[in-house]
Amino acid sequence: MQEDMLREIFRLQESFDRAVVEHRDLKFSQEEWIQKEVLAIISELSEILSEVNFKWWKDPKEVDRERLLEEIVDVLHFFVSMCLKASIGPEELYQAYVRKNRENFARQQGLTDREGYAWKK
């Protein structure tokens, strides 16, 4: 089921991206698109920071969960768009994630030759 949700997210994003490119007559190289997606993600990440009181020099406000969710979804929006521009589909992303997750656990458990990752015993 999760894989179906990921496929649907990719399908929706691809449809949106196609419409934006068509209606705005955008023509960028793959490299330029990925640069733009990364910059958009950075911008959205800074908006997340603003929602979670990172400014220690200001009085904190209550975190607005809905606003936070909206900003996190914006990051996902641009991330999926970047995947599409890089010709990475939901299946490939899922498989790469599963592989990397296994590797990360193995590192934390001290089961690889990579130093500095293992959990303290």
PDB file of N, CA and C in Angstrom:
ATOM      1  N   MET A   1       0.818  -1.196   0.000  1.00  0.00           N
ATOM      2  CA  MET A   1       0.000   0.000   0.000  1.00  0.00           C
ATOM      3  C   MET A   1       0.862   1.262   0.000  1.00  0.00           C
ATOM      4  N   GLN A   2       1.928   1.296   0.811  1.00  0.00           N
ATOM      5  CA  GLN A   2       2.789   2.486   0.836  1.00  0.00           C
ATOM      6  C   GLN A   2       3.378   2.741  -0.550  1.00  0.00           C
ATOM      7  N   GLU A   3       3.753   1.673  -1.233  1.00  0.00           N
ATOM      8  CA  GLU A   3       4.310   1.854  -2.568  1.00  0.00           C
ATOM      9  C   GLU A   3       3.274   2.468  -3.498  1.00  0.00           C
ATOM     10  N   ASP A   4       2.004   2.079  -3.341  1.00  0.00           N
ATOM     11  CA  ASP A   4       0.946   2.664  -4.156  1.00  0.00           C
ATOM     12  C   ASP A   4       0.805   4.155  -3.859  1.00  0.00           C
ATOM     13  N   MET A   5       0.930   4.531  -2.598  1.00  0.00           N
ATOM     14  CA  MET A   5       0.842   5.948  -2.250  1.00  0.00           C
ATOM     15  C   MET A   5       2.008   6.721  -2.864  1.00  0.00           C
ATOM     16  N   LEU A   6       3.183   6.134  -2.828  1.00  0.00           N
ATOM     17  CA  LEU A   6       4.341   6.793  -3.426  1.00  0.00           C
ATOM     18  C   LEU A   6       4.146   6.940  -4.933  1.00  0.00           C
ATOM     19  N   ARG A   7       3.656   5.899  -5.590  1.00  0.00           N
ATOM     20  CA  ARG A   7       3.375   5.988  -7.026  1.00  0.00           C
ATOM     21  C   ARG A   7       2.364   7.104  -7.314  1.00  0.00           C
ATOM     22  N   GLU A   8       1.346   7.202  -6.474  1.00  0.00           N
ATOM     23  CA  GLU A   8       0.332   8.233  -6.677  1.00  0.00           C
ATOM     24  C   GLU A   8       0.925   9.627  -6.491  1.00  0.00           C
ATOM     25  N   ILE A   9       1.777   9.801  -5.507  1.00  0.00           N
ATOM     26  CA  ILE A   9       2.451  11.094  -5.309  1.00  0.00           C
ATOM     27  C   ILE A   9       3.253  11.445  -6.562  1.00  0.00           C
ATOM     28  N   PHE A  10       3.990  10.493  -7.083  1.00  0.00           N
ATOM     29  CA  PHE A  10       4.780  10.738  -8.294  1.00  0.00           C
ATOM     30  C   PHE A  10       3.868  11.067  -9.480  1.00  0.00           C
ATOM     31  N   ARG A  11       2.756  10.338  -9.610  1.00  0.00           N
ATOM     32  CA  ARG A  11       1.829  10.580 -10.715  1.00  0.00           C
ATOM     33  C   ARG A  11       1.247  11.996 -10.633  1.00  0.00           C
ATOM     34  N   LEU A  12       0.812  12.379  -9.451  1.00  0.00           N
ATOM     35  CA  LEU A  12       0.254  13.712  -9.261  1.00  0.00           C
ATOM     36  C   LEU A  12       1.289  14.800  -9.542  1.00  0.00           C
ATOM     37  N   GLN A  13       2.508  14.587  -9.058  1.00  0.00           N
ATOM     38  CA  GLN A  13       3.558  15.581  -9.262  1.00  0.00           C
ATOM     39  C   GLN A  13       3.923  15.700 -10.731  1.00  0.00           C
ATOM     40  N   GLU A  14       3.991  14.567 -11.417  1.00  0.00           N
ATOM     41  CA  GLU A  14       4.316  14.602 -12.840  1.00  0.00           C
ATOM     42  C   GLU A  14       3.248  15.369 -13.619  1.00  0.00           C
ATOM     43  N   SER A  15       1.995  15.161 -13.277  1.00  0.00           N
ATOM     44  CA  SER A  15       0.903  15.873 -13.927  1.00  0.00           C
ATOM     45  C   SER A  15       0.999  17.374 -13.664  1.00  0.00           C
ATOM     46  N   PHE A  16       1.276  17.740 -12.421  1.00  0.00           N
ATOM     47  CA  PHE A  16       1.420  19.148 -12.072  1.00  0.00           C
ATOM     48  C   PHE A  16       2.606  19.784 -12.801  1.00  0.00           C
ATOM     49  N   ASP A  17       3.755  19.091 -12.759  1.00  0.00           N
ATOM     50  CA  ASP A  17       4.951  19.623 -13.415  1.00  0.00           C
ATOM     51  C   ASP A  17       4.711  19.847 -14.906  1.00  0.00           C
ATOM     52  N   ARG A  18       4.074  18.870 -15.540  1.00  0.00           N
ATOM     53  CA  ARG A  18       3.778  18.985 -16.971  1.00  0.00           C
ATOM     54  C   ARG A  18       2.929  20.231 -17.254  1.00  0.00           C
ATOM     55  N   ALA A  19       1.909  20.446 -16.429  1.00  0.00           N
ATOM     56  CA  ALA A  19       1.032  21.605 -16.615  1.00  0.00           C
ATOM     57  C   ALA A  19       1.785  22.915 -16.426  1.00  0.00           C
ATOM     58  N   VAL A  20       2.632  22.979 -15.401  1.00  0.00           N
ATOM     59  CA  VAL A  20       3.403  24.210 -15.151  1.00  0.00           C
ATOM     60  C   VAL A  20       4.343  24.494 -16.318  1.00  0.00           C
ATOM     61  N   VAL A  21       5.045  23.474 -16.783  1.00  0.00           N
ATOM     62  CA  VAL A  21       5.977  23.657 -17.903  1.00  0.00           C
ATOM     63  C   VAL A  21       5.232  24.130 -19.147  1.00  0.00           C
ATOM     64  N   GLU A  22       4.103  23.506 -19.408  1.00  0.00           N
ATOM     65  CA  GLU A  22       3.325  23.865 -20.599  1.00  0.00           C
ATOM     66  C   GLU A  22       2.764  25.280 -20.506  1.00  0.00           C
ATOM     67  N   HIS A  23       2.134  25.611 -19.411  1.00  0.00           N
ATOM     68  CA  HIS A  23       1.471  26.912 -19.300  1.00  0.00           C
ATOM     69  C   HIS A  23       2.450  28.071 -19.096  1.00  0.00           C
ATOM     70  N   ARG A  24       3.612  27.764 -18.576  1.00  0.00           N
ATOM     71  CA  ARG A  24       4.607  28.825 -18.368  1.00  0.00           C
ATOM     72  C   ARG A  24       5.704  28.790 -19.430  1.00  0.00           C
ATOM     73  N   ASP A  25       5.586  27.830 -20.355  1.00  0.00           N
ATOM     74  CA  ASP A  25       6.544  27.692 -21.461  1.00  0.00           C
ATOM     75  C   ASP A  25       7.994  27.654 -20.948  1.00  0.00           C
ATOM     76  N   LEU A  26       8.239  26.772 -20.003  1.00  0.00           N
ATOM     77  CA  LEU A  26       9.564  26.663 -19.387  1.00  0.00           C
ATOM     78  C   LEU A  26      10.436  25.693 -20.173  1.00  0.00           C
ATOM     79  N   LYS A  27      11.690  26.092 -20.350  1.00  0.00           N
ATOM     80  CA  LYS A  27      12.639  25.251 -21.081  1.00  0.00           C
ATOM     81  C   LYS A  27      13.982  25.316 -20.362  1.00  0.00           C
ATOM     82  N   PHE A  28      14.232  24.347 -19.513  1.00  0.00           N
ATOM     83  CA  PHE A  28      15.505  24.279 -18.804  1.00  0.00           C
ATOM     84  C   PHE A  28      16.146  22.927 -19.071  1.00  0.00           C
ATOM     85  N   SER A  29      17.446  22.878 -18.971  1.00  0.00           N
ATOM     86  CA  SER A  29      18.144  21.597 -19.079  1.00  0.00           C
ATOM     87  C   SER A  29      17.882  20.801 -17.796  1.00  0.00           C
ATOM     88  N   GLN A  30      18.163  19.516 -17.847  1.00  0.00           N
ATOM     89  CA  GLN A  30      18.009  18.677 -16.658  1.00  0.00           C
ATOM     90  C   GLN A  30      18.832  19.240 -15.507  1.00  0.00           C
ATOM     91  N   GLU A  31      20.038  19.648 -15.796  1.00  0.00           N
ATOM     92  CA  GLU A  31      20.918  20.207 -14.773  1.00  0.00           C
ATOM     93  C   GLU A  31      20.312  21.467 -14.143  1.00  0.00           C
ATOM     94  N   GLU A  32      19.773  22.353 -14.973  1.00  0.00           N
ATOM     95  CA  GLU A  32      19.151  23.575 -14.462  1.00  0.00           C
ATOM     96  C   GLU A  32      17.910  23.257 -13.626  1.00  0.00           C
ATOM     97  N   TRP A  33      17.110  22.283 -14.089  1.00  0.00           N
ATOM     98  CA  TRP A  33      15.918  21.905 -13.326  1.00  0.00           C
ATOM     99  C   TRP A  33      16.292  21.409 -11.943  1.00  0.00           C
ATOM    100  N   ILE A  34      17.290  20.546 -11.876  1.00  0.00           N
ATOM    101  CA  ILE A  34      17.681  19.986 -10.583  1.00  0.00           C
ATOM    102  C   ILE A  34      18.218  21.085  -9.674  1.00  0.00           C
ATOM    103  N   GLN A  35      18.988  22.012 -10.223  1.00  0.00           N
ATOM    104  CA  GLN A  35      19.462  23.147  -9.425  1.00  0.00           C
ATOM    105  C   GLN A  35      18.277  23.941  -8.871  1.00  0.00           C
ATOM    106  N   LYS A  36      17.289  24.190  -9.702  1.00  0.00           N
ATOM    107  CA  LYS A  36      16.111  24.944  -9.268  1.00  0.00           C
ATOM    108  C   LYS A  36      15.330  24.190  -8.195  1.00  0.00           C
ATOM    109  N   GLU A  37      15.209  22.883  -8.343  1.00  0.00           N
ATOM    110  CA  GLU A  37      14.498  22.076  -7.348  1.00  0.00           C
ATOM    111  C   GLU A  37      15.243  22.107  -6.009  1.00  0.00           C
ATOM    112  N   VAL A  38      16.558  22.000  -6.039  1.00  0.00           N
ATOM    113  CA  VAL A  38      17.353  22.059  -4.806  1.00  0.00           C
ATOM    114  C   VAL A  38      17.164  23.416  -4.121  1.00  0.00           C
ATOM    115  N   LEU A  39      17.228  24.492  -4.889  1.00  0.00           N
ATOM    116  CA  LEU A  39      17.029  25.821  -4.304  1.00  0.00           C
ATOM    117  C   LEU A  39      15.630  25.960  -3.706  1.00  0.00           C
ATOM    118  N   ALA A  40      14.630  25.409  -4.377  1.00  0.00           N
ATOM    119  CA  ALA A  40      13.266  25.463  -3.851  1.00  0.00           C
ATOM    120  C   ALA A  40      13.168  24.670  -2.544  1.00  0.00           C
ATOM    121  N   ILE A  41      13.821  23.526  -2.481  1.00  0.00           N
ATOM    122  CA  ILE A  41      13.816  22.716  -1.251  1.00  0.00           C
ATOM    123  C   ILE A  41      14.478  23.485  -0.116  1.00  0.00           C
ATOM    124  N   ILE A  42      15.602  24.124  -0.398  1.00  0.00           N
ATOM    125  CA  ILE A  42      16.281  24.927   0.631  1.00  0.00           C
ATOM    126  C   ILE A  42      15.352  26.027   1.129  1.00  0.00           C
ATOM    127  N   SER A  43      14.667  26.677   0.232  1.00  0.00           N
ATOM    128  CA  SER A  43      13.729  27.736   0.609  1.00  0.00           C
ATOM    129  C   SER A  43      12.629  27.185   1.510  1.00  0.00           C
ATOM    130  N   GLU A  44      12.076  26.037   1.139  1.00  0.00           N
ATOM    131  CA  GLU A  44      11.004  25.433   1.947  1.00  0.00           C
ATOM    132  C   GLU A  44      11.535  24.967   3.307  1.00  0.00           C
ATOM    133  N   LEU A  45      12.756  24.455   3.344  1.00  0.00           N
ATOM    134  CA  LEU A  45      13.341  24.044   4.621  1.00  0.00           C
ATOM    135  C   LEU A  45      13.494  25.232   5.559  1.00  0.00           C
ATOM    136  N   SER A  46      13.836  26.389   4.998  1.00  0.00           N
ATOM    137  CA  SER A  46      13.949  27.575   5.856  1.00  0.00           C
ATOM    138  C   SER A  46      12.578  27.985   6.386  1.00  0.00           C
ATOM    139  N   GLU A  47      11.534  27.740   5.610  1.00  0.00           N
ATOM    140  CA  GLU A  47      10.180  28.028   6.094  1.00  0.00           C
ATOM    141  C   GLU A  47       9.801  27.069   7.231  1.00  0.00           C
ATOM    142  N   ILE A  48      10.260  25.830   7.147  1.00  0.00           N
ATOM    143  CA  ILE A  48      10.034  24.882   8.250  1.00  0.00           C
ATOM    144  C   ILE A  48      10.725  25.386   9.506  1.00  0.00           C
ATOM    145  N   LEU A  49      11.958  25.848   9.370  1.00  0.00           N
ATOM    146  CA  LEU A  49      12.679  26.380  10.526  1.00  0.00           C
ATOM    147  C   LEU A  49      11.900  27.510  11.196  1.00  0.00           C
ATOM    148  N   SER A  50      11.311  28.362  10.397  1.00  0.00           N
ATOM    149  CA  SER A  50      10.536  29.471  10.954  1.00  0.00           C
ATOM    150  C   SER A  50       9.318  28.982  11.732  1.00  0.00           C
ATOM    151  N   GLU A  51       8.806  27.828  11.367  1.00  0.00           N
ATOM    152  CA  GLU A  51       7.632  27.273  12.047  1.00  0.00           C
ATOM    153  C   GLU A  51       7.979  26.597  13.371  1.00  0.00           C
ATOM    154  N   VAL A  52       9.241  26.264  13.582  1.00  0.00           N
ATOM    155  CA  VAL A  52       9.614  25.505  14.792  1.00  0.00           C
ATOM    156  C   VAL A  52      10.555  26.273  15.722  1.00  0.00           C
ATOM    157  N   ASN A  53      10.428  27.576  15.714  1.00  0.00           N
ATOM    158  CA  ASN A  53      11.086  28.414  16.714  1.00  0.00           C
ATOM    159  C   ASN A  53      12.604  28.263  16.781  1.00  0.00           C
ATOM    160  N   PHE A  54      13.265  28.262  15.631  1.00  0.00           N
ATOM    161  CA  PHE A  54      14.725  28.131  15.682  1.00  0.00           C
ATOM    162  C   PHE A  54      15.411  29.412  16.137  1.00  0.00           C
ATOM    163  N   LYS A  55      14.710  30.536  16.091  1.00  0.00           N
ATOM    164  CA  LYS A  55      15.316  31.815  16.469  1.00  0.00           C
ATOM    165  C   LYS A  55      15.298  31.941  17.994  1.00  0.00           C
ATOM    166  N   TRP A  56      16.402  31.618  18.596  1.00  0.00           N
ATOM    167  CA  TRP A  56      16.498  31.640  20.055  1.00  0.00           C
ATOM    168  C   TRP A  56      16.408  33.047  20.623  1.00  0.00           C
ATOM    169  N   TRP A  57      16.587  34.059  19.758  1.00  0.00           N
ATOM    170  CA  TRP A  57      16.547  35.443  20.202  1.00  0.00           C
ATOM    171  C   TRP A  57      15.126  36.028  20.171  1.00  0.00           C
ATOM    172  N   LYS A  58      14.137  35.194  19.784  1.00  0.00           N
ATOM    173  CA  LYS A  58      12.745  35.642  19.763  1.00  0.00           C
ATOM    174  C   LYS A  58      11.917  34.810  20.744  1.00  0.00           C
ATOM    175  N   ASP A  59      10.831  35.386  21.205  1.00  0.00           N
ATOM    176  CA  ASP A  59       9.912  34.621  22.049  1.00  0.00           C
ATOM    177  C   ASP A  59       9.297  33.498  21.219  1.00  0.00           C
ATOM    178  N   PRO A  60       9.307  32.287  21.747  1.00  0.00           N
ATOM    179  CA  PRO A  60       8.734  31.166  20.969  1.00  0.00           C
ATOM    180  C   PRO A  60       7.219  31.287  20.868  1.00  0.00           C
ATOM    181  N   LYS A  61       6.701  30.778  19.775  1.00  0.00           N
ATOM    182  CA  LYS A  61       5.256  30.719  19.576  1.00  0.00           C
ATOM    183  C   LYS A  61       4.859  29.250  19.507  1.00  0.00           C
ATOM    184  N   GLU A  62       3.604  28.987  19.705  1.00  0.00           N
ATOM    185  CA  GLU A  62       3.133  27.610  19.608  1.00  0.00           C
ATOM    186  C   GLU A  62       3.295  27.134  18.164  1.00  0.00           C
ATOM    187  N   VAL A  63       3.775  25.911  18.003  1.00  0.00           N
ATOM    188  CA  VAL A  63       3.963  25.362  16.662  1.00  0.00           C
ATOM    189  C   VAL A  63       2.589  25.072  16.061  1.00  0.00           C
ATOM    190  N   ASP A  64       2.360  25.611  14.877  1.00  0.00           N
ATOM    191  CA  ASP A  64       1.127  25.383  14.140  1.00  0.00           C
ATOM    192  C   ASP A  64       1.326  24.123  13.296  1.00  0.00           C
ATOM    193  N   ARG A  65       0.761  23.024  13.753  1.00  0.00           N
ATOM    194  CA  ARG A  65       0.980  21.733  13.095  1.00  0.00           C
ATOM    195  C   ARG A  65       0.544  21.749  11.629  1.00  0.00           C
ATOM    196  N   GLU A  66      -0.570  22.386  11.331  1.00  0.00           N
ATOM    197  CA  GLU A  66      -1.051  22.436   9.949  1.00  0.00           C
ATOM    198  C   GLU A  66      -0.097  23.207   9.047  1.00  0.00           C
ATOM    199  N   ARG A  67       0.417  24.293   9.549  1.00  0.00           N
ATOM    200  CA  ARG A  67       1.393  25.088   8.779  1.00  0.00           C
ATOM    201  C   ARG A  67       2.685  24.285   8.599  1.00  0.00           C
ATOM    202  N   LEU A  68       3.112  23.606   9.661  1.00  0.00           N
ATOM    203  CA  LEU A  68       4.301  22.765   9.579  1.00  0.00           C
ATOM    204  C   LEU A  68       4.108  21.663   8.537  1.00  0.00           C
ATOM    205  N   LEU A  69       2.947  21.009   8.572  1.00  0.00           N
ATOM    206  CA  LEU A  69       2.638  19.961   7.589  1.00  0.00           C
ATOM    207  C   LEU A  69       2.684  20.523   6.180  1.00  0.00           C
ATOM    208  N   GLU A  70       2.126  21.700   5.987  1.00  0.00           N
ATOM    209  CA  GLU A  70       2.123  22.324   4.662  1.00  0.00           C
ATOM    210  C   GLU A  70       3.543  22.550   4.150  1.00  0.00           C
ATOM    211  N   GLU A  71       4.414  23.022   5.023  1.00  0.00           N
ATOM    212  CA  GLU A  71       5.807  23.276   4.609  1.00  0.00           C
ATOM    213  C   GLU A  71       6.546  21.965   4.315  1.00  0.00           C
ATOM    214  N   ILE A  72       6.292  20.945   5.115  1.00  0.00           N
ATOM    215  CA  ILE A  72       6.922  19.642   4.869  1.00  0.00           C
ATOM    216  C   ILE A  72       6.448  19.073   3.533  1.00  0.00           C
ATOM    217  N   VAL A  73       5.167  19.220   3.247  1.00  0.00           N
ATOM    218  CA  VAL A  73       4.631  18.763   1.961  1.00  0.00           C
ATOM    219  C   VAL A  73       5.263  19.549   0.816  1.00  0.00           C
ATOM    220  N   ASP A  74       5.515  20.826   1.015  1.00  0.00           N
ATOM    221  CA  ASP A  74       6.191  21.609  -0.028  1.00  0.00           C
ATOM    222  C   ASP A  74       7.579  21.036  -0.327  1.00  0.00           C
ATOM    223  N   VAL A  75       8.295  20.607   0.711  1.00  0.00           N
ATOM    224  CA  VAL A  75       9.607  19.979   0.497  1.00  0.00           C
ATOM    225  C   VAL A  75       9.429  18.702  -0.326  1.00  0.00           C
ATOM    226  N   LEU A  76       8.441  17.893   0.036  1.00  0.00           N
ATOM    227  CA  LEU A  76       8.179  16.655  -0.706  1.00  0.00           C
ATOM    228  C   LEU A  76       7.836  16.965  -2.159  1.00  0.00           C
ATOM    229  N   HIS A  77       7.024  17.970  -2.364  1.00  0.00           N
ATOM    230  CA  HIS A  77       6.630  18.402  -3.710  1.00  0.00           C
ATOM    231  C   HIS A  77       7.872  18.640  -4.576  1.00  0.00           C
ATOM    232  N   PHE A  78       8.806  19.429  -4.078  1.00  0.00           N
ATOM    233  CA  PHE A  78       9.993  19.738  -4.863  1.00  0.00           C
ATOM    234  C   PHE A  78      10.953  18.553  -4.937  1.00  0.00           C
ATOM    235  N   PHE A  79      11.000  17.737  -3.887  1.00  0.00           N
ATOM    236  CA  PHE A  79      11.845  16.545  -3.908  1.00  0.00           C
ATOM    237  C   PHE A  79      11.375  15.576  -4.990  1.00  0.00           C
ATOM    238  N   VAL A  80      10.080  15.304  -5.029  1.00  0.00           N
ATOM    239  CA  VAL A  80       9.541  14.388  -6.037  1.00  0.00           C
ATOM    240  C   VAL A  80       9.741  14.981  -7.432  1.00  0.00           C
ATOM    241  N   SER A  81       9.532  16.269  -7.559  1.00  0.00           N
ATOM    242  CA  SER A  81       9.763  16.926  -8.838  1.00  0.00           C
ATOM    243  C   SER A  81      11.217  16.762  -9.278  1.00  0.00           C
ATOM    244  N   MET A  82      12.145  16.886  -8.329  1.00  0.00           N
ATOM    245  CA  MET A  82      13.560  16.686  -8.645  1.00  0.00           C
ATOM    246  C   MET A  82      13.818  15.251  -9.081  1.00  0.00           C
ATOM    247  N   CYS A  83      13.206  14.298  -8.405  1.00  0.00           N
ATOM    248  CA  CYS A  83      13.348  12.893  -8.810  1.00  0.00           C
ATOM    249  C   CYS A  83      12.892  12.715 -10.251  1.00  0.00           C
ATOM    250  N   LEU A  84      11.748  13.279 -10.575  1.00  0.00           N
ATOM    251  CA  LEU A  84      11.220  13.163 -11.932  1.00  0.00           C
ATOM    252  C   LEU A  84      12.176  13.777 -12.947  1.00  0.00           C
ATOM    253  N   LYS A  85      12.740  14.924 -12.608  1.00  0.00           N
ATOM    254  CA  LYS A  85      13.672  15.586 -13.531  1.00  0.00           C
ATOM    255  C   LYS A  85      14.948  14.747 -13.704  1.00  0.00           C
ATOM    256  N   ALA A  86      15.287  13.967 -12.690  1.00  0.00           N
ATOM    257  CA  ALA A  86      16.483  13.112 -12.744  1.00  0.00           C
ATOM    258  C   ALA A  86      16.151  11.713 -13.277  1.00  0.00           C
ATOM    259  N   SER A  87      14.915  11.538 -13.756  1.00  0.00           N
ATOM    260  CA  SER A  87      14.442  10.250 -14.285  1.00  0.00           C
ATOM    261  C   SER A  87      14.488   9.139 -13.239  1.00  0.00           C
ATOM    262  N   ILE A  88      14.175   9.497 -12.012  1.00  0.00           N
ATOM    263  CA  ILE A  88      14.079   8.522 -10.921  1.00  0.00           C
ATOM    264  C   ILE A  88      12.597   8.366 -10.603  1.00  0.00           C
ATOM    265  N   GLY A  89      12.105   7.148 -10.799  1.00  0.00           N
ATOM    266  CA  GLY A  89      10.702   6.878 -10.542  1.00  0.00           C
ATOM    267  C   GLY A  89      10.483   6.366  -9.131  1.00  0.00           C
ATOM    268  N   PRO A  90       9.224   6.153  -8.747  1.00  0.00           N
ATOM    269  CA  PRO A  90       8.916   5.724  -7.384  1.00  0.00           C
ATOM    270  C   PRO A  90       9.498   4.361  -7.029  1.00  0.00           C
ATOM    271  N   GLU A  91       9.510   3.428  -7.969  1.00  0.00           N
ATOM    272  CA  GLU A  91      10.060   2.105  -7.674  1.00  0.00           C
ATOM    273  C   GLU A  91      11.558   2.177  -7.411  1.00  0.00           C
ATOM    274  N   GLU A  92      12.272   2.894  -8.280  1.00  0.00           N
ATOM    275  CA  GLU A  92      13.718   3.035  -8.114  1.00  0.00           C
ATOM    276  C   GLU A  92      14.041   3.760  -6.814  1.00  0.00           C
ATOM    277  N   LEU A  93      13.295   4.805  -6.508  1.00  0.00           N
ATOM    278  CA  LEU A  93      13.511   5.542  -5.264  1.00  0.00           C
ATOM    279  C   LEU A  93      13.266   4.638  -4.060  1.00  0.00           C
ATOM    280  N   TYR A  94      12.178   3.887  -4.101  1.00  0.00           N
ATOM    281  CA  TYR A  94      11.846   2.975  -3.001  1.00  0.00           C
ATOM    282  C   TYR A  94      12.957   1.947  -2.792  1.00  0.00           C
ATOM    283  N   GLN A  95      13.402   1.314  -3.865  1.00  0.00           N
ATOM    284  CA  GLN A  95      14.460   0.302  -3.750  1.00  0.00           C
ATOM    285  C   GLN A  95      15.758   0.911  -3.232  1.00  0.00           C
ATOM    286  N   ALA A  96      16.115   2.090  -3.713  1.00  0.00           N
ATOM    287  CA  ALA A  96      17.337   2.763  -3.247  1.00  0.00           C
ATOM    288  C   ALA A  96      17.211   3.121  -1.770  1.00  0.00           C
ATOM    289  N   TYR A  97      16.020   3.548  -1.358  1.00  0.00           N
ATOM    290  CA  TYR A  97      15.795   3.879   0.044  1.00  0.00           C
ATOM    291  C   TYR A  97      15.954   2.649   0.921  1.00  0.00           C
ATOM    292  N   VAL A  98      15.353   1.543   0.526  1.00  0.00           N
ATOM    293  CA  VAL A  98      15.439   0.296   1.301  1.00  0.00           C
ATOM    294  C   VAL A  98      16.898  -0.143   1.428  1.00  0.00           C
ATOM    295  N   ARG A  99      17.657  -0.091   0.328  1.00  0.00           N
ATOM    296  CA  ARG A  99      19.084  -0.455   0.373  1.00  0.00           C
ATOM    297  C   ARG A  99      19.849   0.445   1.336  1.00  0.00           C
ATOM    298  N   LYS A 100      19.623   1.745   1.228  1.00  0.00           N
ATOM    299  CA  LYS A 100      20.347   2.701   2.073  1.00  0.00           C
ATOM    300  C   LYS A 100      19.942   2.549   3.538  1.00  0.00           C
ATOM    301  N   ASN A 101      18.675   2.262   3.795  1.00  0.00           N
ATOM    302  CA  ASN A 101      18.208   2.051   5.156  1.00  0.00           C
ATOM    303  C   ASN A 101      18.913   0.846   5.784  1.00  0.00           C
ATOM    304  N   ARG A 102      19.019  -0.236   5.030  1.00  0.00           N
ATOM    305  CA  ARG A 102      19.746  -1.427   5.519  1.00  0.00           C
ATOM    306  C   ARG A 102      21.198  -1.091   5.817  1.00  0.00           C
ATOM    307  N   GLU A 103      21.815  -0.359   4.894  1.00  0.00           N
ATOM    308  CA  GLU A 103      23.211   0.046   5.077  1.00  0.00           C
ATOM    309  C   GLU A 103      23.361   0.918   6.320  1.00  0.00           C
ATOM    310  N   ASN A 104      22.450   1.856   6.520  1.00  0.00           N
ATOM    311  CA  ASN A 104      22.525   2.732   7.690  1.00  0.00           C
ATOM    312  C   ASN A 104      22.399   1.942   8.987  1.00  0.00           C
ATOM    313  N   PHE A 105      21.474   0.983   9.031  1.00  0.00           N
ATOM    314  CA  PHE A 105      21.357   0.135  10.219  1.00  0.00           C
ATOM    315  C   PHE A 105      22.629  -0.660  10.441  1.00  0.00           C
ATOM    316  N   ALA A 106      23.174  -1.237   9.378  1.00  0.00           N
ATOM    317  CA  ALA A 106      24.407  -2.026   9.502  1.00  0.00           C
ATOM    318  C   ALA A 106      25.539  -1.153  10.040  1.00  0.00           C
ATOM    319  N   ARG A 107      25.647   0.058   9.576  1.00  0.00           N
ATOM    320  CA  ARG A 107      26.681   0.971  10.069  1.00  0.00           C
ATOM    321  C   ARG A 107      26.484   1.254  11.560  1.00  0.00           C
ATOM    322  N   GLN A 108      25.247   1.572  11.948  1.00  0.00           N
ATOM    323  CA  GLN A 108      24.969   1.881  13.351  1.00  0.00           C
ATOM    324  C   GLN A 108      25.229   0.686  14.254  1.00  0.00           C
ATOM    325  N   GLN A 109      25.024  -0.508  13.729  1.00  0.00           N
ATOM    326  CA  GLN A 109      25.231  -1.730  14.510  1.00  0.00           C
ATOM    327  C   GLN A 109      26.678  -2.208  14.460  1.00  0.00           C
ATOM    328  N   GLY A 110      27.547  -1.458  13.778  1.00  0.00           N
ATOM    329  CA  GLY A 110      28.956  -1.810  13.714  1.00  0.00           C
ATOM    330  C   GLY A 110      29.243  -2.994  12.808  1.00  0.00           C
ATOM    331  N   LEU A 111      28.391  -3.231  11.829  1.00  0.00           N
ATOM    332  CA  LEU A 111      28.530  -4.387  10.952  1.00  0.00           C
ATOM    333  C   LEU A 111      29.206  -4.066   9.627  1.00  0.00           C
ATOM    334  N   THR A 112      29.775  -2.873   9.514  1.00  0.00           N
ATOM    335  CA  THR A 112      30.495  -2.516   8.292  1.00  0.00           C
ATOM    336  C   THR A 112      31.890  -2.045   8.672  1.00  0.00           C
ATOM    337  N   ASP A 113      32.707  -1.815   7.666  1.00  0.00           N
ATOM    338  CA  ASP A 113      34.062  -1.323   7.937  1.00  0.00           C
ATOM    339  C   ASP A 113      34.114   0.199   8.063  1.00  0.00           C
ATOM    340  N   ARG A 114      32.974   0.850   7.982  1.00  0.00           N
ATOM    341  CA  ARG A 114      32.921   2.308   8.123  1.00  0.00           C
ATOM    342  C   ARG A 114      33.041   2.671   9.600  1.00  0.00           C
ATOM    343  N   GLU A 115      34.009   3.519   9.893  1.00  0.00           N
ATOM    344  CA  GLU A 115      34.263   3.890  11.294  1.00  0.00           C
ATOM    345  C   GLU A 115      33.450   5.110  11.692  1.00  0.00           C
ATOM    346  N   GLY A 116      33.144   5.184  12.980  1.00  0.00           N
ATOM    347  CA  GLY A 116      32.502   6.347  13.542  1.00  0.00           C
ATOM    348  C   GLY A 116      30.974   6.326  13.530  1.00  0.00           C
ATOM    349  N   TYR A 117      30.390   5.242  13.081  1.00  0.00           N
ATOM    350  CA  TYR A 117      28.935   5.149  13.008  1.00  0.00           C
ATOM    351  C   TYR A 117      28.334   4.292  14.109  1.00  0.00           C
ATOM    352  N   ALA A 118      29.064   3.306  14.581  1.00  0.00           N
ATOM    353  CA  ALA A 118      28.496   2.289  15.488  1.00  0.00           C
ATOM    354  C   ALA A 118      27.991   2.888  16.786  1.00  0.00           C
ATOM    355  N   TRP A 119      26.832   2.392  17.224  1.00  0.00           N
ATOM    356  CA  TRP A 119      26.259   2.800  18.491  1.00  0.00           C
ATOM    357  C   TRP A 119      27.204   2.391  19.619  1.00  0.00           C
ATOM    358  N   LYS A 120      27.250   3.192  20.638  1.00  0.00           N
ATOM    359  CA  LYS A 120      28.065   2.852  21.814  1.00  0.00           C
ATOM    360  C   LYS A 120      27.372   1.711  22.545  1.00  0.00           C
ATOM    361  N   LYS A 121      28.172   0.792  23.036  1.00  0.00           N
ATOM    362  CA  LYS A 121      27.614  -0.377  23.743  1.00  0.00           C
ATOM    363  C   LYS A 121      27.482  -0.120  25.202  1.00  0.00           C
TER     364      LYS A 121
END
